[in-house]
Protein backbone atom coordinates (compact mmCIF):
# COMPACT_ATOMS: atom_id res chain seq x y z
CA MET A 1 28.58 -1.41 -7.36
CA GLN A 2 26.97 -0.44 -10.43
CA GLN A 3 23.87 1.78 -9.62
CA ARG A 4 20.99 3.07 -11.57
CA HIS A 5 19.43 6.47 -10.57
CA ALA A 6 15.19 6.65 -10.57
CA VAL A 7 14.68 10.05 -10.99
CA THR A 8 10.86 9.97 -12.10
CA PRO A 9 8.17 10.28 -9.38
CA TYR A 10 6.38 6.90 -11.09
CA SER A 11 9.34 4.62 -11.39
CA TYR A 12 10.51 1.88 -9.13
CA GLY A 13 6.89 0.75 -7.57
CA GLY A 14 5.08 4.19 -8.13
CA CYS A 15 7.28 5.58 -5.46
CA MET A 16 7.70 9.41 -5.27
CA THR A 17 11.18 9.50 -3.86
CA THR A 18 14.52 9.47 -5.87
CA SER A 19 15.73 5.96 -5.49
CA PHE A 20 18.82 3.61 -6.27
CA GLU A 21 18.80 0.14 -7.27
CA SER A 22 21.72 -1.97 -7.34
CA ALA A 23 22.64 -4.16 -10.34
CA ASP A 24 23.74 -6.82 -7.92
CA THR A 25 20.11 -7.27 -6.03
CA PRO A 26 17.39 -9.84 -6.67
CA SER A 27 15.25 -7.96 -8.93
CA ALA A 28 18.27 -7.15 -11.18
CA ASP A 29 19.43 -10.68 -11.73
CA ALA A 30 15.49 -11.82 -12.13
CA HIS A 31 15.24 -9.29 -15.19
CA ARG A 32 18.47 -10.81 -16.64
CA ASN A 33 17.32 -14.27 -15.78
CA VAL A 34 13.88 -13.44 -17.96
CA ALA A 35 15.71 -11.88 -20.69
CA ALA A 36 17.75 -15.08 -21.24
CA ASN A 37 14.61 -17.25 -20.91
CA ALA A 38 12.91 -15.95 -23.28
CA PHE A 39 15.06 -17.51 -26.01
CA ALA A 40 14.70 -20.89 -24.14
CA ASN A 41 11.08 -20.70 -23.82
CA PRO A 42 9.16 -17.73 -24.94
CA THR A 43 5.81 -18.38 -23.66
CA THR A 44 7.22 -18.87 -20.15
CA ALA A 45 9.39 -15.76 -20.54
CA ALA A 46 5.90 -14.18 -21.71
CA ARG A 47 4.21 -14.72 -18.38
CA ALA A 48 7.43 -14.30 -16.20
CA SER A 49 7.79 -10.72 -17.95
CA THR A 50 4.17 -9.72 -16.16
CA ARG A 51 5.06 -11.13 -12.69
CA ARG A 52 8.51 -9.95 -10.87
CA ASN A 53 8.26 -13.29 -8.29
CA ASP A 54 12.01 -12.90 -7.47
CA GLU A 55 11.54 -9.55 -5.95
CA ARG A 56 12.35 -9.51 -2.12
CA THR A 57 11.73 -6.78 0.60
CA ILE A 58 14.94 -5.10 1.43
CA ALA A 59 14.87 -2.45 4.44
CA GLY A 60 15.21 0.76 3.21
CA ALA A 61 14.06 0.11 -0.36
CA HIS A 62 10.78 0.05 -1.91
CA ARG A 63 9.84 -3.58 -3.01
CA ARG A 64 8.18 -2.88 -6.64
CA MET A 65 4.32 -4.17 -7.17
CA ARG A 66 4.73 -8.23 -8.67
CA ARG A 67 2.04 -7.95 -11.17
CA ALA A 68 3.94 -5.82 -13.48
CA ASP A 69 0.87 -6.17 -15.93
CA ARG A 70 -1.62 -4.55 -13.67
CA GLU A 71 0.95 -1.77 -12.34
CA VAL A 72 -0.03 1.57 -13.61
CA THR A 73 2.55 4.49 -13.70
CA GLU A 74 0.72 6.88 -16.23
CA PRO A 75 0.10 10.16 -13.98
CA GLU A 76 -3.07 10.64 -15.58
CA ARG A 77 -4.72 7.66 -15.04
CA ILE A 78 -3.19 7.85 -11.48
CA ARG A 79 -5.25 11.14 -11.19
CA GLU A 80 -8.26 9.53 -12.22
CA ILE A 81 -8.38 7.15 -10.08
CA ILE A 82 -7.77 9.33 -6.69
CA ALA A 83 -10.27 11.25 -8.28
CA ALA A 84 -13.01 8.46 -8.40
CA SER A 85 -12.06 7.44 -4.59
CA PRO A 86 -14.28 8.73 -2.09
CA ILE A 87 -12.42 7.11 0.67
CA VAL A 88 -9.09 6.67 2.22
CA SER A 89 -8.25 4.35 4.56
CA VAL A 90 -5.22 5.46 6.94
CA ALA A 91 -3.56 3.20 8.96
CA TYR A 92 -1.55 4.30 12.22
CA ALA A 93 0.37 2.88 15.35
CA ASP A 94 0.17 4.57 18.56
CA ALA A 95 0.27 3.89 22.31
CA GLU A 96 -2.57 1.49 21.82
CA GLY A 97 -1.35 -0.47 19.04
CA LEU A 98 -1.96 -0.43 15.13
CA THR A 99 -6.04 0.76 14.07
CA LEU A 100 -7.24 1.81 10.72
CA VAL A 101 -9.71 4.58 10.13
CA PRO A 102 -11.54 5.09 6.88
CA MET A 103 -11.65 8.94 6.03
CA ASP A 104 -13.12 11.51 3.61
CA PHE A 105 -10.79 13.19 1.93
CA GLY A 106 -9.31 16.31 -0.40
CA TYR A 107 -6.08 16.18 -2.44
CA GLU A 108 -3.99 18.32 -4.25
CA TRP A 109 -1.09 17.63 -6.80
CA VAL A 110 2.01 20.47 -6.86
CA PRO A 111 5.30 20.47 -7.87
CA LYS A 112 7.13 20.06 -4.57
CA SER A 113 8.98 23.23 -5.45
CA ALA A 114 5.86 25.30 -5.53
CA GLN A 115 4.29 23.51 -2.43
CA PRO A 116 3.32 26.40 -0.03
CA PHE A 117 3.08 24.26 2.88
CA ALA A 118 5.56 21.25 2.35
CA ALA A 119 7.27 20.49 5.32
CA THR A 120 10.12 18.22 3.54
CA PRO A 121 12.53 19.36 0.98
CA ALA A 122 11.47 19.34 -2.69
CA ALA A 123 11.81 16.47 -4.82
CA ASP A 124 11.58 15.23 -8.32
CA GLY A 125 8.22 15.06 -9.59
CA ASP A 126 4.77 16.34 -8.36
CA GLY A 127 3.67 15.68 -4.64
CA LEU A 128 0.63 14.57 -3.33
CA THR A 129 -1.00 15.82 -0.05
CA LEU A 130 -3.75 14.50 1.26
CA TYR A 131 -6.45 16.59 3.58
CA MET A 132 -8.92 15.42 6.11
CA HIS A 133 -10.65 16.91 9.14
CA SER A 134 -11.90 15.34 12.65
CA SER A 135 -12.50 16.13 15.97
CA PRO A 136 -9.55 18.04 17.94
CA ILE A 137 -10.64 15.28 20.29
CA GLY A 138 -10.20 11.53 20.37
CA ARG A 139 -7.70 8.95 19.06
CA LYS A 140 -6.17 10.12 16.13
CA ALA A 141 -6.15 13.55 17.87
CA ASP A 142 -3.76 12.23 20.07
CA ALA A 143 -1.84 10.28 18.29
CA LEU A 144 -1.43 13.25 15.89
CA ARG A 145 -0.01 15.21 18.62
CA ALA A 146 2.02 12.97 20.33
CA ALA A 147 3.81 12.73 17.01
CA GLY A 148 4.49 16.56 17.11
CA GLU A 149 6.45 18.41 14.21
CA GLU A 150 8.29 15.14 12.97
CA GLY A 151 4.91 13.57 12.34
CA LEU A 152 2.98 10.55 12.52
CA PRO A 153 3.96 7.73 9.90
CA VAL A 154 0.96 6.53 8.25
CA SER A 155 -0.09 3.99 5.50
CA PHE A 156 -3.28 4.44 3.39
CA ASP A 157 -5.24 2.71 0.80
CA MET A 158 -7.92 4.13 -1.55
CA ILE A 159 -10.27 2.23 -4.21
CA ALA A 160 -12.05 3.96 -6.93
CA ASP A 161 -15.57 3.66 -7.69
CA GLY A 162 -17.00 0.98 -9.90
CA SER A 163 -15.48 -2.12 -8.47
CA ARG A 164 -17.11 -5.55 -9.59
CA THR A 165 -17.14 -9.13 -9.32
CA ILE A 166 -15.74 -10.87 -12.22
CA PRO A 167 -17.15 -14.64 -12.39
CA GLY A 168 -15.18 -17.63 -13.36
CA ARG A 169 -15.43 -20.49 -15.31
CA THR A 170 -14.98 -22.41 -11.57
CA LEU A 171 -14.66 -21.12 -7.92
CA CYS A 172 -11.03 -20.42 -7.71
CA ASN A 173 -11.33 -18.35 -11.36
CA TRP A 174 -13.72 -15.78 -10.07
CA GLY A 175 -12.18 -12.59 -8.92
CA ARG A 176 -12.63 -8.70 -8.88
CA ALA A 177 -12.17 -5.38 -11.25
CA TYR A 178 -10.75 -2.72 -9.35
CA ALA A 179 -8.12 0.47 -9.62
CA SER A 180 -6.76 1.21 -6.04
CA ILE A 181 -3.94 3.11 -4.79
CA VAL A 182 -1.73 2.00 -1.54
CA GLY A 183 0.95 4.11 -0.14
CA THR A 184 2.90 5.90 2.99
CA GLY A 185 3.60 9.02 4.27
CA ILE A 186 3.49 11.59 7.30
CA ALA A 187 0.73 13.04 8.84
CA ARG A 188 0.59 16.29 10.54
CA ILE A 189 -1.62 18.58 12.39
CA VAL A 190 -2.23 21.54 9.93
CA THR A 191 -1.73 24.66 12.27
CA ASP A 192 -1.70 27.50 9.94
CA VAL A 193 -5.18 28.84 9.38
CA GLU A 194 -5.03 29.80 5.87
CA GLU A 195 -3.96 26.19 4.89
CA ALA A 196 -6.52 24.46 6.92
CA ALA A 197 -8.96 26.86 5.21
CA HIS A 198 -7.50 25.77 1.71
CA GLY A 199 -7.52 21.48 2.96
CA LEU A 200 -11.18 22.20 3.88
CA GLN A 201 -12.05 23.79 0.35
CA LEU A 202 -10.11 21.05 -1.32
CA LEU A 203 -12.00 18.24 0.78
CA MET A 204 -15.37 19.82 -0.24
CA ALA A 205 -14.26 20.08 -4.13
CA HIS A 206 -13.40 16.49 -3.67
CA GLU A 207 -16.20 15.11 -1.84
CA ALA A 208 -19.33 17.52 -2.94
CA GLY A 209 -17.84 18.20 -6.34
CA MET A 210 -17.77 21.95 -5.11
CA VAL A 211 -15.59 22.92 -7.91
CA ASP A 212 -16.17 26.31 -10.52
CA ALA A 213 -15.82 25.76 -14.13
CA SER A 214 -11.84 25.65 -14.29
CA GLY A 215 -12.12 22.74 -11.77
CA MET A 216 -10.75 24.98 -8.81
CA PRO A 217 -12.66 24.49 -5.56
CA SER A 218 -15.63 27.04 -5.48
CA VAL A 219 -16.21 27.52 -1.37
CA SER A 220 -14.53 29.27 1.10
CA PHE A 221 -14.42 29.14 4.62
CA THR A 222 -14.07 31.66 7.27
CA GLU A 223 -11.20 31.90 10.10
CA GLN A 224 -13.85 30.79 12.55
CA GLN A 225 -14.79 27.64 10.70
CA ALA A 226 -11.17 26.63 9.95
CA ARG A 227 -10.41 26.76 13.62
CA SER A 228 -13.64 24.82 14.58
CA VAL A 229 -12.09 21.46 13.75
CA MET A 230 -8.70 19.86 13.14
CA VAL A 231 -7.47 19.56 9.62
CA TRP A 232 -4.29 17.32 9.09
CA ARG A 233 -2.96 16.16 5.98
CA ILE A 234 -0.69 13.39 5.32
CA ASP A 235 2.44 14.34 2.86
CA VAL A 236 2.77 11.03 0.92
CA THR A 237 6.22 9.76 0.34
CA CYS A 238 5.50 6.40 -1.38
CA TYR A 239 2.79 4.92 -3.72
CA THR A 240 1.95 2.20 -6.12
CA THR A 241 -1.32 2.16 -8.24
CA LYS A 242 -3.07 -1.22 -9.34
CA SER A 243 -5.47 -1.72 -11.80
CA ARG A 244 -7.64 -4.68 -12.68
CA PRO A 245 -10.08 -3.86 -15.61
CA VAL A 246 -13.14 -6.24 -16.73
CA PRO A 247 -12.19 -8.76 -18.96
CA PRO A 248 -13.77 -8.01 -22.65
CA ALA A 249 -15.45 -11.39 -22.35
CA THR A 250 -17.33 -10.21 -19.26
CA VAL A 251 -18.30 -6.86 -20.75
CA HIS A 252 -19.92 -8.49 -23.55
CA HIS A 253 -21.93 -10.97 -21.78
CA ALA A 254 -23.01 -8.34 -18.82
CA VAL A 255 -24.25 -6.24 -22.07
CA HIS A 256 -26.10 -8.80 -23.33
CA ARG A 257 -27.66 -10.38 -20.34
CA GLU A 258 -28.82 -6.50 -19.41
CA ALA A 259 -30.22 -6.47 -22.89
CA ARG A 260 -32.39 -9.63 -22.61
CA GLU A 261 -33.43 -8.32 -18.79
CA GLU A 262 -34.69 -5.03 -20.64
CA TYR A 263 -36.75 -7.30 -23.29
């Protein structure tokens, strides 16, 4: 069986994990079919190349995004979307069942080989870590403590500010312009005071813009302050980024409408 080794953090659906894809999987067959159909029906093939309709969910593998034309893989663009997202929603399961909680957050990108607080082995590419804080008493705290050192599996999503409705010619043609990230990771309580203070710095930098001229956090926390809350982090294992920009025609009409209203 032939295998292709994906070594970049943004390949294979944006996942930051090294993965193997068999040439005999449905997705590989789909790519071959698209290439063959290009000679028979260029219009159909062009549309098919933007949609991975033959992808399947397989245990232990990361399913690629269906809308390939909306997938964001450029590292700088991904960073911009995260920077423009004020809230991350975190989902997890505990003894009670599934739940979802919106959180303020801080984040950092660090080469995994240089991450001072990384709990997992180094992998190719930059590591994304999210930091949150909450009360040491409550459902989240109980779930994180119950998970222990192994950590709590979570999924998350964030949507950048600026999402807007796109009018359509018919009701079924309406849509939304957006930029979002969804992913999975492992959540753990931060027990190291130095890391807890670091996480709080990152949170204030992201949520309140407390950064210096170089973009680094400009606030500091004492040991007492860091211990007064429960700081926890998500070591992101996989994510995908998707964007649907505002169509040029919509922007054009919106500008002219605003001009008429001002006039």
